[in-house]
Amino acid sequence: MDPKQRLALMDKIIRELDDLKNSQTSVLKKIAQIEADNINLEAGILSDGLPDLHEEVDHGLQKVSELHEQFTEFRNKYEIDNQKFLTETQ
């Protein structure tokens, strides 16, 4: 795979990680909404299960965010290190 193709694939992966972050954020918001609704309902089964679920999804979101940041740095370094190959015309 040539450097331009590798960079394009890295950009695609970054977009996919963005999508994953957005999806997990949406799931977290839905869990919070259910928790808020349950304040009035007072269903014990939800009160018992939702905090753990909220914590797990939040932890997953943090991990994806960290991975996104690290991979973006990796991608940017790759682009700088391969600038010569990326600017050549084929």
C-alpha atoms as a PDB file:
ATOM      1  CA  MET A   1       0.000   0.000   0.000  1.00  0.00           C
ATOM      2  CA  ASP A   2       1.514   3.319  -1.002  1.00  0.00           C
ATOM      3  CA  PRO A   3       1.701   6.283   1.420  1.00  0.00           C
ATOM      4  CA  LYS A   4      -1.277   8.094  -0.140  1.00  0.00           C
ATOM      5  CA  GLN A   5      -3.462   5.011   0.197  1.00  0.00           C
ATOM      6  CA  ARG A   6      -2.311   4.486   3.781  1.00  0.00           C
ATOM      7  CA  LEU A   7      -3.117   8.108   4.643  1.00  0.00           C
ATOM      8  CA  ALA A   8      -6.551   7.823   3.010  1.00  0.00           C
ATOM      9  CA  LEU A   9      -7.251   4.668   5.024  1.00  0.00           C
ATOM     10  CA  MET A  10      -6.136   6.405   8.220  1.00  0.00           C
ATOM     11  CA  ASP A  11      -8.524   9.286   7.443  1.00  0.00           C
ATOM     12  CA  LYS A  12     -11.342   6.772   6.944  1.00  0.00           C
ATOM     13  CA  ILE A  13     -10.574   5.140  10.292  1.00  0.00           C
ATOM     14  CA  ILE A  14     -10.613   8.539  12.012  1.00  0.00           C
ATOM     15  CA  ARG A  15     -14.068   9.215  10.527  1.00  0.00           C
ATOM     16  CA  GLU A  16     -15.233   5.813  11.777  1.00  0.00           C
ATOM     17  CA  LEU A  17     -13.873   6.545  15.253  1.00  0.00           C
ATOM     18  CA  ASP A  18     -15.772   9.870  15.143  1.00  0.00           C
ATOM     19  CA  ASP A  19     -18.945   7.969  14.261  1.00  0.00           C
ATOM     20  CA  LEU A  20     -18.309   5.557  17.118  1.00  0.00           C
ATOM     21  CA  LYS A  21     -17.833   8.433  19.576  1.00  0.00           C
ATOM     22  CA  ASN A  22     -21.070  10.044  18.373  1.00  0.00           C
ATOM     23  CA  SER A  23     -22.960   6.756  18.697  1.00  0.00           C
ATOM     24  CA  GLN A  24     -21.693   6.149  22.221  1.00  0.00           C
ATOM     25  CA  THR A  25     -22.554   9.732  23.181  1.00  0.00           C
ATOM     26  CA  SER A  26     -26.075   9.139  21.913  1.00  0.00           C
ATOM     27  CA  VAL A  27     -26.370   5.913  23.919  1.00  0.00           C
ATOM     28  CA  LEU A  28     -25.147   7.727  27.021  1.00  0.00           C
ATOM     29  CA  LYS A  29     -27.775  10.458  26.522  1.00  0.00           C
ATOM     30  CA  LYS A  30     -30.502   7.825  26.172  1.00  0.00           C
ATOM     31  CA  ILE A  31     -29.410   6.122  29.375  1.00  0.00           C
ATOM     32  CA  ALA A  32     -29.451   9.476  31.185  1.00  0.00           C
ATOM     33  CA  GLN A  33     -32.960  10.145  29.867  1.00  0.00           C
ATOM     34  CA  ILE A  34     -34.165   6.771  31.125  1.00  0.00           C
ATOM     35  CA  GLU A  35     -32.558   7.520  34.500  1.00  0.00           C
ATOM     36  CA  ALA A  36     -34.371  10.868  34.607  1.00  0.00           C
ATOM     37  CA  ASP A  37     -37.692   9.275  33.664  1.00  0.00           C
ATOM     38  CA  ASN A  38     -37.184   6.651  36.330  1.00  0.00           C
ATOM     39  CA  ILE A  39     -36.988   9.333  39.020  1.00  0.00           C
ATOM     40  CA  ASN A  40     -40.784   9.626  38.692  1.00  0.00           C
ATOM     41  CA  LEU A  41     -41.398   5.944  37.999  1.00  0.00           C
ATOM     42  CA  GLU A  42     -39.173   4.643  40.785  1.00  0.00           C
ATOM     43  CA  ALA A  43     -38.705   1.211  39.197  1.00  0.00           C
ATOM     44  CA  GLY A  44     -36.164  -0.612  41.325  1.00  0.00           C
ATOM     45  CA  ILE A  45     -34.940  -2.786  38.502  1.00  0.00           C
ATOM     46  CA  LEU A  46     -33.937   0.340  36.549  1.00  0.00           C
ATOM     47  CA  SER A  47     -32.504   2.055  39.613  1.00  0.00           C
ATOM     48  CA  ASP A  48     -30.318  -0.988  40.210  1.00  0.00           C
ATOM     49  CA  GLY A  49     -29.148  -1.594  36.646  1.00  0.00           C
ATOM     50  CA  LEU A  50     -28.814   1.801  34.994  1.00  0.00           C
ATOM     51  CA  PRO A  51     -25.938   3.256  37.040  1.00  0.00           C
ATOM     52  CA  ASP A  52     -23.657   0.352  36.130  1.00  0.00           C
ATOM     53  CA  LEU A  53     -24.707   0.542  32.489  1.00  0.00           C
ATOM     54  CA  HIS A  54     -24.133   4.302  32.484  1.00  0.00           C
ATOM     55  CA  GLU A  55     -20.658   3.807  33.937  1.00  0.00           C
ATOM     56  CA  GLU A  56     -19.736   1.110  31.406  1.00  0.00           C
ATOM     57  CA  VAL A  57     -20.860   3.156  28.408  1.00  0.00           C
ATOM     58  CA  ASP A  58     -19.117   6.250  29.778  1.00  0.00           C
ATOM     59  CA  HIS A  59     -15.917   4.238  30.219  1.00  0.00           C
ATOM     60  CA  GLY A  60     -16.225   2.974  26.642  1.00  0.00           C
ATOM     61  CA  LEU A  61     -16.687   6.516  25.379  1.00  0.00           C
ATOM     62  CA  GLN A  62     -13.573   7.625  27.231  1.00  0.00           C
ATOM     63  CA  LYS A  63     -11.564   4.754  25.720  1.00  0.00           C
ATOM     64  CA  VAL A  64     -12.761   5.561  22.198  1.00  0.00           C
ATOM     65  CA  SER A  65     -11.934   9.242  22.721  1.00  0.00           C
ATOM     66  CA  GLU A  66      -8.424   8.368  23.903  1.00  0.00           C
ATOM     67  CA  LEU A  67      -7.897   5.999  20.992  1.00  0.00           C
ATOM     68  CA  HIS A  68      -9.178   8.630  18.555  1.00  0.00           C
ATOM     69  CA  GLU A  69      -6.745  11.192  19.936  1.00  0.00           C
ATOM     70  CA  GLN A  70      -3.794   8.785  19.863  1.00  0.00           C
ATOM     71  CA  PHE A  71      -4.567   7.567  16.359  1.00  0.00           C
ATOM     72  CA  THR A  72      -4.989  11.134  15.087  1.00  0.00           C
ATOM     73  CA  GLU A  73      -1.528  11.945  16.444  1.00  0.00           C
ATOM     74  CA  PHE A  74      -0.172   8.793  14.766  1.00  0.00           C
ATOM     75  CA  ARG A  75      -1.799   9.784  11.483  1.00  0.00           C
ATOM     76  CA  ASN A  76      -0.450  13.334  11.646  1.00  0.00           C
ATOM     77  CA  LYS A  77       3.065  12.087  12.381  1.00  0.00           C
ATOM     78  CA  TYR A  78       2.793   9.665   9.469  1.00  0.00           C
ATOM     79  CA  GLU A  79       1.789  12.520   7.171  1.00  0.00           C
ATOM     80  CA  ILE A  80       4.745  14.656   8.286  1.00  0.00           C
ATOM     81  CA  ASP A  81       7.208  11.770   8.055  1.00  0.00           C
ATOM     82  CA  ASN A  82       6.016  10.843   4.548  1.00  0.00           C
ATOM     83  CA  GLN A  83       5.471  14.318   3.133  1.00  0.00           C
ATOM     84  CA  LYS A  84       7.997  13.671   0.354  1.00  0.00           C
ATOM     85  CA  PHE A  85       6.077  10.621  -0.871  1.00  0.00           C
ATOM     86  CA  LEU A  86       2.691  12.260  -0.469  1.00  0.00           C
ATOM     87  CA  THR A  87       3.533  15.262  -2.613  1.00  0.00           C
ATOM     88  CA  GLU A  88       5.043  13.271  -5.478  1.00  0.00           C
ATOM     89  CA  THR A  89       2.840  12.879  -8.526  1.00  0.00           C
ATOM     90  CA  GLN A  90       2.354   9.414  -9.874  1.00  0.00           C
END
